[in-house]
Amino acid sequence: MRFRLVIISDYAEEIIEILNDFLRKIFPNTSVSHIIYKDPPKEYYDHFRRQYRADLMLTWIAGFREDLDEITVGILDYDGYVPGLNFVFGVADPYLKTASVYTVRLYRGYDRKIDEIFIERLKKEVLHEIGHVLGLEHCDNRRCVMSFSNSIYEVDLKTYKFCRRCFEKLTKRGILINREMVLT
């Protein structure tokens, strides 16, 4: 499996290695490449809401993919939304093989400090959106990474592991997952 991270933030260097190691731990024989991009396109920014249209940004992020087999994951230090929701932590499109995570609401406070809690939340949301790209839907198991999160508290409640049912769905699709990343 191959991933391409599109980091749209000033904190890029701090999280690239963390996400590289995390994805390689979960998905054996994975390669991860990245690109750092400073400014997202302004045409997808809603000035009234002060948020980016996450669904439109997804198509733009997909344009960074270098290979059809590659999964592209955008990490944006911005706030995102889709019509009908106040905000999203992330969005994904399995047909585009693209996901994005909006990190503004993952910080513990207003200082945007990259600490252990932020990193844990980021890992959960990145893996959650990748799960959607791989064909998984939301899971009823509140500890499963595929559980829907409507608030930061729900992000904190879940783990960054797949439940047995989600793991088996991925395995049936031929996707190899490190067994350490499965809830017991």
N, C-alpha and C. Protein backbone atom coordinates (compact mmCIF):
# COMPACT_ATOMS: atom_id res chain seq x y z
N MET A 1 0.85 -1.17 0.00
CA MET A 1 0.00 0.00 0.00
C MET A 1 0.90 1.23 0.00
N ARG A 2 0.44 2.27 -0.70
CA ARG A 2 1.23 3.50 -0.76
C ARG A 2 0.35 4.69 -0.37
N PHE A 3 0.94 5.55 0.43
CA PHE A 3 0.26 6.77 0.88
C PHE A 3 1.05 7.99 0.45
N ARG A 4 0.33 9.04 0.13
CA ARG A 4 0.95 10.34 -0.13
C ARG A 4 0.28 11.34 0.80
N LEU A 5 1.06 11.89 1.71
CA LEU A 5 0.56 12.90 2.63
C LEU A 5 0.72 14.28 2.01
N VAL A 6 -0.33 15.04 2.02
CA VAL A 6 -0.29 16.43 1.56
C VAL A 6 -0.48 17.28 2.81
N ILE A 7 0.62 17.82 3.32
CA ILE A 7 0.60 18.57 4.57
C ILE A 7 0.43 20.05 4.23
N ILE A 8 -0.65 20.64 4.71
CA ILE A 8 -0.92 22.04 4.45
C ILE A 8 -0.94 22.76 5.79
N SER A 9 0.28 23.14 6.22
CA SER A 9 0.44 23.70 7.55
C SER A 9 1.87 24.15 7.76
N ASP A 10 2.08 24.89 8.83
CA ASP A 10 3.44 25.26 9.23
C ASP A 10 4.08 24.20 10.10
N TYR A 11 3.30 23.25 10.64
CA TYR A 11 3.86 22.25 11.53
C TYR A 11 4.33 21.00 10.80
N ALA A 12 4.44 21.07 9.52
CA ALA A 12 4.68 19.89 8.68
C ALA A 12 5.81 19.01 9.18
N GLU A 13 6.96 19.58 9.42
CA GLU A 13 8.12 18.77 9.79
C GLU A 13 7.88 17.99 11.08
N GLU A 14 7.12 18.55 11.99
CA GLU A 14 6.89 17.90 13.28
C GLU A 14 6.01 16.66 13.17
N ILE A 15 5.10 16.64 12.22
CA ILE A 15 4.17 15.51 12.17
C ILE A 15 4.47 14.51 11.06
N ILE A 16 5.31 14.87 10.11
CA ILE A 16 5.59 13.95 9.00
C ILE A 16 6.15 12.63 9.50
N GLU A 17 7.17 12.69 10.32
CA GLU A 17 7.79 11.46 10.81
C GLU A 17 6.82 10.65 11.67
N ILE A 18 6.03 11.34 12.50
CA ILE A 18 5.06 10.65 13.35
C ILE A 18 4.04 9.89 12.50
N LEU A 19 3.49 10.55 11.48
CA LEU A 19 2.50 9.89 10.63
C LEU A 19 3.13 8.81 9.75
N ASN A 20 4.35 9.03 9.27
CA ASN A 20 5.05 7.99 8.51
C ASN A 20 5.17 6.72 9.33
N ASP A 21 5.69 6.86 10.55
CA ASP A 21 5.87 5.70 11.43
C ASP A 21 4.53 5.04 11.77
N PHE A 22 3.52 5.85 12.03
CA PHE A 22 2.20 5.34 12.39
C PHE A 22 1.60 4.51 11.26
N LEU A 23 1.62 5.04 10.05
CA LEU A 23 1.04 4.31 8.91
C LEU A 23 1.82 3.04 8.60
N ARG A 24 3.13 3.09 8.73
CA ARG A 24 3.95 1.89 8.48
C ARG A 24 3.71 0.82 9.54
N LYS A 25 3.41 1.25 10.77
CA LYS A 25 3.12 0.29 11.83
C LYS A 25 1.79 -0.42 11.57
N ILE A 26 0.81 0.32 11.11
CA ILE A 26 -0.53 -0.26 10.89
C ILE A 26 -0.57 -1.14 9.65
N PHE A 27 -0.04 -0.63 8.56
CA PHE A 27 -0.10 -1.31 7.27
C PHE A 27 1.29 -1.82 6.89
N PRO A 28 1.56 -3.12 7.08
CA PRO A 28 2.88 -3.66 6.73
C PRO A 28 3.20 -3.43 5.25
N ASN A 29 4.46 -3.30 4.96
CA ASN A 29 4.96 -3.09 3.59
C ASN A 29 4.38 -1.83 2.95
N THR A 30 4.24 -0.79 3.74
CA THR A 30 3.68 0.47 3.27
C THR A 30 4.80 1.45 2.96
N SER A 31 4.60 2.22 1.90
CA SER A 31 5.50 3.34 1.65
C SER A 31 4.71 4.63 1.80
N VAL A 32 5.37 5.63 2.34
CA VAL A 32 4.73 6.92 2.58
C VAL A 32 5.60 8.02 1.99
N SER A 33 5.00 8.84 1.14
CA SER A 33 5.70 10.02 0.64
C SER A 33 4.89 11.24 1.08
N HIS A 34 5.47 12.40 0.92
CA HIS A 34 4.74 13.59 1.35
C HIS A 34 5.11 14.80 0.50
N ILE A 35 4.24 15.77 0.56
CA ILE A 35 4.48 17.07 -0.05
C ILE A 35 3.99 18.10 0.96
N ILE A 36 4.73 19.18 1.08
CA ILE A 36 4.33 20.27 1.96
C ILE A 36 3.82 21.41 1.09
N TYR A 37 2.64 21.86 1.41
CA TYR A 37 2.01 22.93 0.63
C TYR A 37 1.55 23.98 1.62
N LYS A 38 1.90 25.21 1.39
CA LYS A 38 1.65 26.25 2.41
C LYS A 38 0.22 26.79 2.43
N ASP A 39 -0.34 27.09 1.29
CA ASP A 39 -1.64 27.77 1.28
C ASP A 39 -2.66 27.02 0.44
N PRO A 40 -3.79 26.63 1.05
CA PRO A 40 -4.85 26.00 0.26
C PRO A 40 -5.52 27.03 -0.64
N PRO A 41 -6.21 26.58 -1.67
CA PRO A 41 -6.86 27.52 -2.59
C PRO A 41 -7.96 28.33 -1.90
N LYS A 42 -7.92 29.61 -2.11
CA LYS A 42 -8.87 30.52 -1.45
C LYS A 42 -10.30 30.37 -1.97
N GLU A 43 -10.46 29.83 -3.18
CA GLU A 43 -11.82 29.71 -3.72
C GLU A 43 -12.68 28.71 -2.95
N TYR A 44 -12.06 27.87 -2.12
CA TYR A 44 -12.83 26.92 -1.32
C TYR A 44 -13.04 27.40 0.11
N TYR A 45 -12.64 28.63 0.36
CA TYR A 45 -12.77 29.21 1.70
C TYR A 45 -14.06 30.01 1.79
N ASP A 46 -14.85 29.74 2.83
CA ASP A 46 -16.09 30.47 3.08
C ASP A 46 -15.77 31.55 4.12
N HIS A 47 -15.69 32.78 3.67
CA HIS A 47 -15.31 33.89 4.56
C HIS A 47 -16.34 34.13 5.66
N PHE A 48 -17.60 33.88 5.37
CA PHE A 48 -18.64 34.06 6.38
C PHE A 48 -18.46 33.06 7.53
N ARG A 49 -18.19 31.80 7.18
CA ARG A 49 -18.04 30.75 8.18
C ARG A 49 -16.62 30.64 8.73
N ARG A 50 -15.66 31.20 8.00
CA ARG A 50 -14.23 31.07 8.33
C ARG A 50 -13.79 29.62 8.32
N GLN A 51 -14.27 28.89 7.33
CA GLN A 51 -13.97 27.47 7.18
C GLN A 51 -13.78 27.15 5.70
N TYR A 52 -13.08 26.04 5.46
CA TYR A 52 -12.93 25.53 4.10
C TYR A 52 -14.02 24.50 3.82
N ARG A 53 -14.50 24.48 2.59
CA ARG A 53 -15.45 23.45 2.15
C ARG A 53 -14.66 22.16 1.96
N ALA A 54 -14.79 21.26 2.90
CA ALA A 54 -13.99 20.04 2.92
C ALA A 54 -14.25 19.16 1.71
N ASP A 55 -15.49 19.10 1.24
CA ASP A 55 -15.79 18.25 0.09
C ASP A 55 -15.12 18.77 -1.18
N LEU A 56 -15.07 20.08 -1.35
CA LEU A 56 -14.41 20.65 -2.52
C LEU A 56 -12.89 20.54 -2.41
N MET A 57 -12.38 20.70 -1.21
CA MET A 57 -10.94 20.57 -0.98
C MET A 57 -10.46 19.16 -1.30
N LEU A 58 -11.32 18.17 -1.08
CA LEU A 58 -10.94 16.78 -1.32
C LEU A 58 -10.55 16.55 -2.77
N THR A 59 -11.30 17.12 -3.68
CA THR A 59 -10.97 16.99 -5.10
C THR A 59 -9.64 17.65 -5.41
N TRP A 60 -9.39 18.79 -4.82
CA TRP A 60 -8.11 19.49 -5.01
C TRP A 60 -6.95 18.66 -4.47
N ILE A 61 -7.13 18.07 -3.28
CA ILE A 61 -6.08 17.24 -2.67
C ILE A 61 -5.81 16.01 -3.53
N ALA A 62 -6.86 15.45 -4.12
CA ALA A 62 -6.69 14.27 -4.98
C ALA A 62 -5.75 14.56 -6.14
N GLY A 63 -5.66 15.80 -6.55
CA GLY A 63 -4.78 16.18 -7.65
C GLY A 63 -3.30 16.02 -7.34
N PHE A 64 -2.94 15.83 -6.09
CA PHE A 64 -1.54 15.63 -5.71
C PHE A 64 -1.11 14.16 -5.83
N ARG A 65 -2.05 13.29 -6.06
CA ARG A 65 -1.73 11.86 -6.18
C ARG A 65 -0.86 11.64 -7.40
N GLU A 66 0.20 10.87 -7.24
CA GLU A 66 1.12 10.61 -8.35
C GLU A 66 0.83 9.31 -9.07
N ASP A 67 0.06 8.44 -8.43
CA ASP A 67 -0.18 7.11 -8.98
C ASP A 67 -1.61 6.70 -8.63
N LEU A 68 -2.27 5.99 -9.51
CA LEU A 68 -3.65 5.59 -9.27
C LEU A 68 -3.80 4.65 -8.08
N ASP A 69 -2.74 3.93 -7.72
CA ASP A 69 -2.81 3.01 -6.59
C ASP A 69 -2.54 3.69 -5.25
N GLU A 70 -2.15 4.92 -5.30
CA GLU A 70 -1.77 5.66 -4.10
C GLU A 70 -2.99 6.23 -3.39
N ILE A 71 -2.97 6.21 -2.06
CA ILE A 71 -4.00 6.87 -1.26
C ILE A 71 -3.44 8.22 -0.82
N THR A 72 -4.17 9.28 -1.13
CA THR A 72 -3.73 10.63 -0.79
C THR A 72 -4.46 11.09 0.46
N VAL A 73 -3.70 11.62 1.42
CA VAL A 73 -4.28 12.09 2.67
C VAL A 73 -3.81 13.52 2.92
N GLY A 74 -4.76 14.45 2.92
CA GLY A 74 -4.45 15.84 3.23
C GLY A 74 -4.55 16.08 4.73
N ILE A 75 -3.56 16.77 5.27
CA ILE A 75 -3.56 17.17 6.67
C ILE A 75 -3.54 18.69 6.67
N LEU A 76 -4.64 19.31 7.06
CA LEU A 76 -4.79 20.76 6.95
C LEU A 76 -4.95 21.40 8.32
N ASP A 77 -4.13 22.37 8.60
CA ASP A 77 -4.22 23.09 9.87
C ASP A 77 -5.25 24.22 9.74
N TYR A 78 -6.44 23.82 9.38
CA TYR A 78 -7.55 24.74 9.16
C TYR A 78 -8.82 24.09 9.68
N ASP A 79 -9.92 24.82 9.62
CA ASP A 79 -11.22 24.30 10.00
C ASP A 79 -11.98 23.97 8.72
N GLY A 80 -12.71 22.86 8.72
CA GLY A 80 -13.44 22.45 7.54
C GLY A 80 -14.89 22.13 7.85
N TYR A 81 -15.71 22.17 6.80
CA TYR A 81 -17.12 21.82 6.95
C TYR A 81 -17.63 21.26 5.63
N VAL A 82 -18.75 20.59 5.70
CA VAL A 82 -19.51 20.21 4.51
C VAL A 82 -20.92 20.74 4.72
N PRO A 83 -21.65 21.03 3.65
CA PRO A 83 -23.02 21.53 3.81
C PRO A 83 -23.85 20.58 4.69
N GLY A 84 -24.54 21.15 5.64
CA GLY A 84 -25.37 20.37 6.55
C GLY A 84 -24.71 20.08 7.88
N LEU A 85 -23.41 20.31 7.99
CA LEU A 85 -22.69 20.09 9.25
C LEU A 85 -21.96 21.37 9.65
N ASN A 86 -21.87 21.61 10.94
CA ASN A 86 -21.15 22.79 11.42
C ASN A 86 -19.65 22.69 11.17
N PHE A 87 -19.12 21.49 11.28
CA PHE A 87 -17.70 21.26 11.05
C PHE A 87 -17.47 19.78 10.78
N VAL A 88 -16.29 19.47 10.29
CA VAL A 88 -15.87 18.07 10.15
C VAL A 88 -14.43 17.96 10.66
N PHE A 89 -14.13 16.81 11.26
CA PHE A 89 -12.74 16.51 11.58
C PHE A 89 -12.03 16.04 10.31
N GLY A 90 -12.79 15.42 9.42
CA GLY A 90 -12.21 14.94 8.17
C GLY A 90 -13.29 14.45 7.23
N VAL A 91 -12.88 14.20 6.00
CA VAL A 91 -13.76 13.64 4.98
C VAL A 91 -12.94 12.68 4.13
N ALA A 92 -13.64 11.80 3.43
CA ALA A 92 -12.95 10.83 2.57
C ALA A 92 -13.83 10.47 1.39
N ASP A 93 -13.18 10.07 0.31
CA ASP A 93 -13.87 9.61 -0.88
C ASP A 93 -13.14 8.39 -1.42
N PRO A 94 -13.75 7.19 -1.28
CA PRO A 94 -13.07 5.98 -1.75
C PRO A 94 -12.82 5.97 -3.25
N TYR A 95 -13.68 6.65 -4.02
CA TYR A 95 -13.51 6.67 -5.47
C TYR A 95 -12.31 7.52 -5.87
N LEU A 96 -12.09 8.60 -5.14
CA LEU A 96 -10.91 9.43 -5.39
C LEU A 96 -9.66 8.88 -4.70
N LYS A 97 -9.87 7.90 -3.80
CA LYS A 97 -8.79 7.35 -2.97
C LYS A 97 -8.09 8.49 -2.23
N THR A 98 -8.92 9.37 -1.68
CA THR A 98 -8.41 10.57 -1.03
C THR A 98 -9.17 10.84 0.26
N ALA A 99 -8.43 11.31 1.25
CA ALA A 99 -9.02 11.69 2.54
C ALA A 99 -8.38 13.00 2.97
N SER A 100 -9.04 13.68 3.89
CA SER A 100 -8.43 14.88 4.47
C SER A 100 -8.85 14.99 5.93
N VAL A 101 -7.95 15.56 6.72
CA VAL A 101 -8.20 15.77 8.15
C VAL A 101 -7.94 17.24 8.44
N TYR A 102 -8.90 17.86 9.14
CA TYR A 102 -8.80 19.27 9.52
C TYR A 102 -8.45 19.32 11.01
N THR A 103 -7.30 19.90 11.33
CA THR A 103 -6.73 19.73 12.66
C THR A 103 -7.09 20.81 13.68
N VAL A 104 -7.68 21.91 13.27
CA VAL A 104 -7.92 23.02 14.20
C VAL A 104 -8.66 22.57 15.46
N ARG A 105 -9.64 21.71 15.33
CA ARG A 105 -10.44 21.28 16.49
C ARG A 105 -9.81 20.12 17.26
N LEU A 106 -8.64 19.67 16.82
CA LEU A 106 -7.96 18.58 17.52
C LEU A 106 -7.01 19.07 18.61
N TYR A 107 -6.71 20.35 18.61
CA TYR A 107 -5.81 20.89 19.64
C TYR A 107 -6.52 20.92 20.98
N ARG A 108 -5.71 20.87 22.05
CA ARG A 108 -6.28 20.89 23.39
C ARG A 108 -6.71 22.30 23.80
N GLY A 109 -6.05 23.31 23.33
CA GLY A 109 -6.38 24.68 23.69
C GLY A 109 -6.26 25.59 22.49
N TYR A 110 -6.25 26.86 22.76
CA TYR A 110 -6.19 27.84 21.68
C TYR A 110 -4.77 28.11 21.20
N ASP A 111 -3.77 27.62 21.92
CA ASP A 111 -2.38 27.91 21.56
C ASP A 111 -1.85 27.02 20.43
N ARG A 112 -2.64 26.07 19.97
CA ARG A 112 -2.26 25.17 18.88
C ARG A 112 -0.93 24.46 19.16
N LYS A 113 -0.81 23.99 20.36
CA LYS A 113 0.39 23.28 20.78
C LYS A 113 0.32 21.83 20.30
N ILE A 114 1.40 21.38 19.69
CA ILE A 114 1.47 19.99 19.26
C ILE A 114 1.98 19.18 20.44
N ASP A 115 1.06 18.55 21.14
CA ASP A 115 1.42 17.74 22.29
C ASP A 115 0.92 16.31 22.08
N GLU A 116 1.08 15.49 23.09
CA GLU A 116 0.71 14.07 22.98
C GLU A 116 -0.78 13.89 22.68
N ILE A 117 -1.63 14.70 23.28
CA ILE A 117 -3.07 14.58 23.05
C ILE A 117 -3.40 14.93 21.60
N PHE A 118 -2.82 16.01 21.09
CA PHE A 118 -3.04 16.38 19.69
C PHE A 118 -2.61 15.25 18.76
N ILE A 119 -1.43 14.68 19.01
CA ILE A 119 -0.91 13.60 18.15
C ILE A 119 -1.84 12.39 18.19
N GLU A 120 -2.33 12.02 19.36
CA GLU A 120 -3.26 10.88 19.47
C GLU A 120 -4.54 11.15 18.68
N ARG A 121 -5.06 12.34 18.81
CA ARG A 121 -6.28 12.70 18.07
C ARG A 121 -6.03 12.69 16.57
N LEU A 122 -4.89 13.21 16.16
CA LEU A 122 -4.55 13.24 14.74
C LEU A 122 -4.45 11.83 14.18
N LYS A 123 -3.78 10.94 14.89
CA LYS A 123 -3.66 9.54 14.44
C LYS A 123 -5.04 8.91 14.26
N LYS A 124 -5.92 9.12 15.23
CA LYS A 124 -7.26 8.54 15.16
C LYS A 124 -8.03 9.04 13.94
N GLU A 125 -7.98 10.33 13.71
CA GLU A 125 -8.75 10.88 12.59
C GLU A 125 -8.14 10.52 11.24
N VAL A 126 -6.82 10.47 11.16
CA VAL A 126 -6.18 10.04 9.91
C VAL A 126 -6.57 8.60 9.60
N LEU A 127 -6.46 7.72 10.59
CA LEU A 127 -6.81 6.31 10.35
C LEU A 127 -8.30 6.15 10.07
N HIS A 128 -9.14 6.92 10.75
CA HIS A 128 -10.59 6.87 10.51
C HIS A 128 -10.89 7.19 9.04
N GLU A 129 -10.32 8.27 8.54
CA GLU A 129 -10.59 8.66 7.15
C GLU A 129 -9.99 7.67 6.16
N ILE A 130 -8.81 7.13 6.45
CA ILE A 130 -8.24 6.09 5.59
C ILE A 130 -9.15 4.87 5.58
N GLY A 131 -9.74 4.54 6.73
CA GLY A 131 -10.70 3.44 6.79
C GLY A 131 -11.85 3.65 5.82
N HIS A 132 -12.35 4.87 5.72
CA HIS A 132 -13.41 5.17 4.75
C HIS A 132 -12.91 4.98 3.32
N VAL A 133 -11.69 5.45 3.04
CA VAL A 133 -11.13 5.26 1.69
C VAL A 133 -11.05 3.78 1.36
N LEU A 134 -10.76 2.96 2.36
CA LEU A 134 -10.64 1.51 2.15
C LEU A 134 -11.99 0.80 2.16
N GLY A 135 -13.08 1.56 2.27
CA GLY A 135 -14.42 0.98 2.15
C GLY A 135 -15.17 0.75 3.43
N LEU A 136 -14.62 1.14 4.57
CA LEU A 136 -15.32 0.95 5.84
C LEU A 136 -16.31 2.08 6.08
N GLU A 137 -17.40 1.73 6.76
CA GLU A 137 -18.39 2.73 7.17
C GLU A 137 -18.21 2.97 8.67
N HIS A 138 -19.04 3.83 9.23
CA HIS A 138 -18.96 4.08 10.66
C HIS A 138 -19.34 2.82 11.44
N CYS A 139 -18.71 2.66 12.58
CA CYS A 139 -18.87 1.45 13.40
C CYS A 139 -19.60 1.79 14.69
N ASP A 140 -20.41 0.86 15.18
CA ASP A 140 -21.15 1.05 16.43
C ASP A 140 -20.28 0.86 17.67
N ASN A 141 -19.13 0.21 17.51
CA ASN A 141 -18.22 -0.01 18.64
C ASN A 141 -17.53 1.32 18.97
N ARG A 142 -17.85 1.90 20.12
CA ARG A 142 -17.34 3.23 20.49
C ARG A 142 -15.82 3.27 20.64
N ARG A 143 -15.19 2.13 20.82
CA ARG A 143 -13.73 2.11 20.96
C ARG A 143 -13.03 1.95 19.61
N CYS A 144 -13.76 1.51 18.60
CA CYS A 144 -13.18 1.30 17.26
C CYS A 144 -12.85 2.65 16.63
N VAL A 145 -11.74 2.70 15.92
CA VAL A 145 -11.33 3.93 15.25
C VAL A 145 -12.37 4.38 14.22
N MET A 146 -13.21 3.47 13.75
CA MET A 146 -14.23 3.82 12.76
C MET A 146 -15.52 4.34 13.38
N SER A 147 -15.55 4.50 14.69
CA SER A 147 -16.70 5.09 15.36
C SER A 147 -16.82 6.56 14.95
N PHE A 148 -18.04 7.02 14.70
CA PHE A 148 -18.28 8.41 14.31
C PHE A 148 -18.02 9.34 15.49
N SER A 149 -17.37 10.44 15.23
CA SER A 149 -17.10 11.43 16.28
C SER A 149 -17.77 12.75 15.92
N ASN A 150 -18.71 13.15 16.76
CA ASN A 150 -19.41 14.41 16.57
C ASN A 150 -18.82 15.51 17.45
N SER A 151 -17.88 15.13 18.32
CA SER A 151 -17.23 16.10 19.21
C SER A 151 -15.83 15.60 19.54
N ILE A 152 -15.03 16.47 20.08
CA ILE A 152 -13.67 16.09 20.46
C ILE A 152 -13.69 15.04 21.57
N TYR A 153 -14.73 15.06 22.40
CA TYR A 153 -14.86 14.08 23.46
C TYR A 153 -15.03 12.67 22.89
N GLU A 154 -15.77 12.57 21.80
CA GLU A 154 -15.94 11.27 21.15
C GLU A 154 -14.66 10.82 20.46
N VAL A 155 -13.87 11.76 19.96
CA VAL A 155 -12.55 11.40 19.42
C VAL A 155 -11.70 10.82 20.53
N ASP A 156 -11.73 11.45 21.69
CA ASP A 156 -10.92 10.98 22.82
C ASP A 156 -11.37 9.62 23.34
N LEU A 157 -12.66 9.30 23.23
CA LEU A 157 -13.17 8.02 23.73
C LEU A 157 -12.71 6.83 22.90
N LYS A 158 -12.57 7.02 21.60
CA LYS A 158 -12.20 5.88 20.75
C LYS A 158 -10.68 5.68 20.77
N THR A 159 -10.27 4.52 20.28
CA THR A 159 -8.85 4.21 20.17
C THR A 159 -8.42 4.39 18.72
N TYR A 160 -7.15 4.21 18.45
CA TYR A 160 -6.72 4.20 17.05
C TYR A 160 -6.49 2.77 16.59
N LYS A 161 -7.40 1.89 17.02
CA LYS A 161 -7.38 0.49 16.60
C LYS A 161 -8.73 0.14 15.98
N PHE A 162 -8.69 -0.87 15.11
CA PHE A 162 -9.92 -1.38 14.49
C PHE A 162 -10.53 -2.44 15.39
N CYS A 163 -11.85 -2.50 15.45
CA CYS A 163 -12.51 -3.61 16.14
C CYS A 163 -12.36 -4.86 15.27
N ARG A 164 -12.68 -5.99 15.82
CA ARG A 164 -12.53 -7.25 15.09
C ARG A 164 -13.35 -7.26 13.80
N ARG A 165 -14.59 -6.74 13.86
CA ARG A 165 -15.45 -6.73 12.68
C ARG A 165 -14.87 -5.88 11.54
N CYS A 166 -14.39 -4.68 11.86
CA CYS A 166 -13.79 -3.82 10.83
C CYS A 166 -12.49 -4.43 10.30
N PHE A 167 -11.72 -5.02 11.20
CA PHE A 167 -10.48 -5.70 10.79
C PHE A 167 -10.79 -6.81 9.79
N GLU A 168 -11.82 -7.61 10.08
CA GLU A 168 -12.18 -8.72 9.19
C GLU A 168 -12.66 -8.21 7.83
N LYS A 169 -13.39 -7.10 7.81
CA LYS A 169 -13.82 -6.52 6.53
C LYS A 169 -12.61 -6.12 5.69
N LEU A 170 -11.62 -5.52 6.32
CA LEU A 170 -10.41 -5.12 5.58
C LEU A 170 -9.64 -6.35 5.10
N THR A 171 -9.55 -7.35 5.95
CA THR A 171 -8.83 -8.58 5.59
C THR A 171 -9.49 -9.26 4.40
N LYS A 172 -10.82 -9.30 4.37
CA LYS A 172 -11.54 -9.90 3.24
C LYS A 172 -11.28 -9.14 1.94
N ARG A 173 -10.93 -7.87 2.06
CA ARG A 173 -10.60 -7.06 0.87
C ARG A 173 -9.12 -7.17 0.50
N GLY A 174 -8.40 -8.02 1.23
CA GLY A 174 -6.99 -8.23 0.93
C GLY A 174 -6.07 -7.16 1.51
N ILE A 175 -6.56 -6.41 2.48
CA ILE A 175 -5.76 -5.34 3.09
C ILE A 175 -5.12 -5.89 4.35
N LEU A 176 -3.81 -5.83 4.39
CA LEU A 176 -3.06 -6.34 5.54
C LEU A 176 -2.99 -5.28 6.63
N ILE A 177 -3.36 -5.68 7.85
CA ILE A 177 -3.31 -4.80 9.01
C ILE A 177 -2.49 -5.50 10.08
N ASN A 178 -1.60 -4.76 10.72
CA ASN A 178 -0.84 -5.28 11.85
C ASN A 178 -1.83 -5.69 12.94
N ARG A 179 -1.73 -6.92 13.42
CA ARG A 179 -2.69 -7.43 14.41
C ARG A 179 -2.63 -6.66 15.73
N GLU A 180 -1.53 -5.97 15.99
CA GLU A 180 -1.45 -5.14 17.19
C GLU A 180 -2.43 -3.97 17.12
N MET A 181 -2.92 -3.66 15.94
CA MET A 181 -3.82 -2.53 15.75
C MET A 181 -5.29 -2.97 15.76
N VAL A 182 -5.55 -4.13 16.35
CA VAL A 182 -6.92 -4.66 16.45
C VAL A 182 -7.29 -4.74 17.92
N LEU A 183 -8.47 -4.24 18.26
CA LEU A 183 -8.95 -4.29 19.64
C LEU A 183 -9.09 -5.74 20.10
N THR A 184 -8.77 -5.96 21.34
CA THR A 184 -8.92 -7.32 21.89
C THR A 184 -10.13 -7.39 22.78
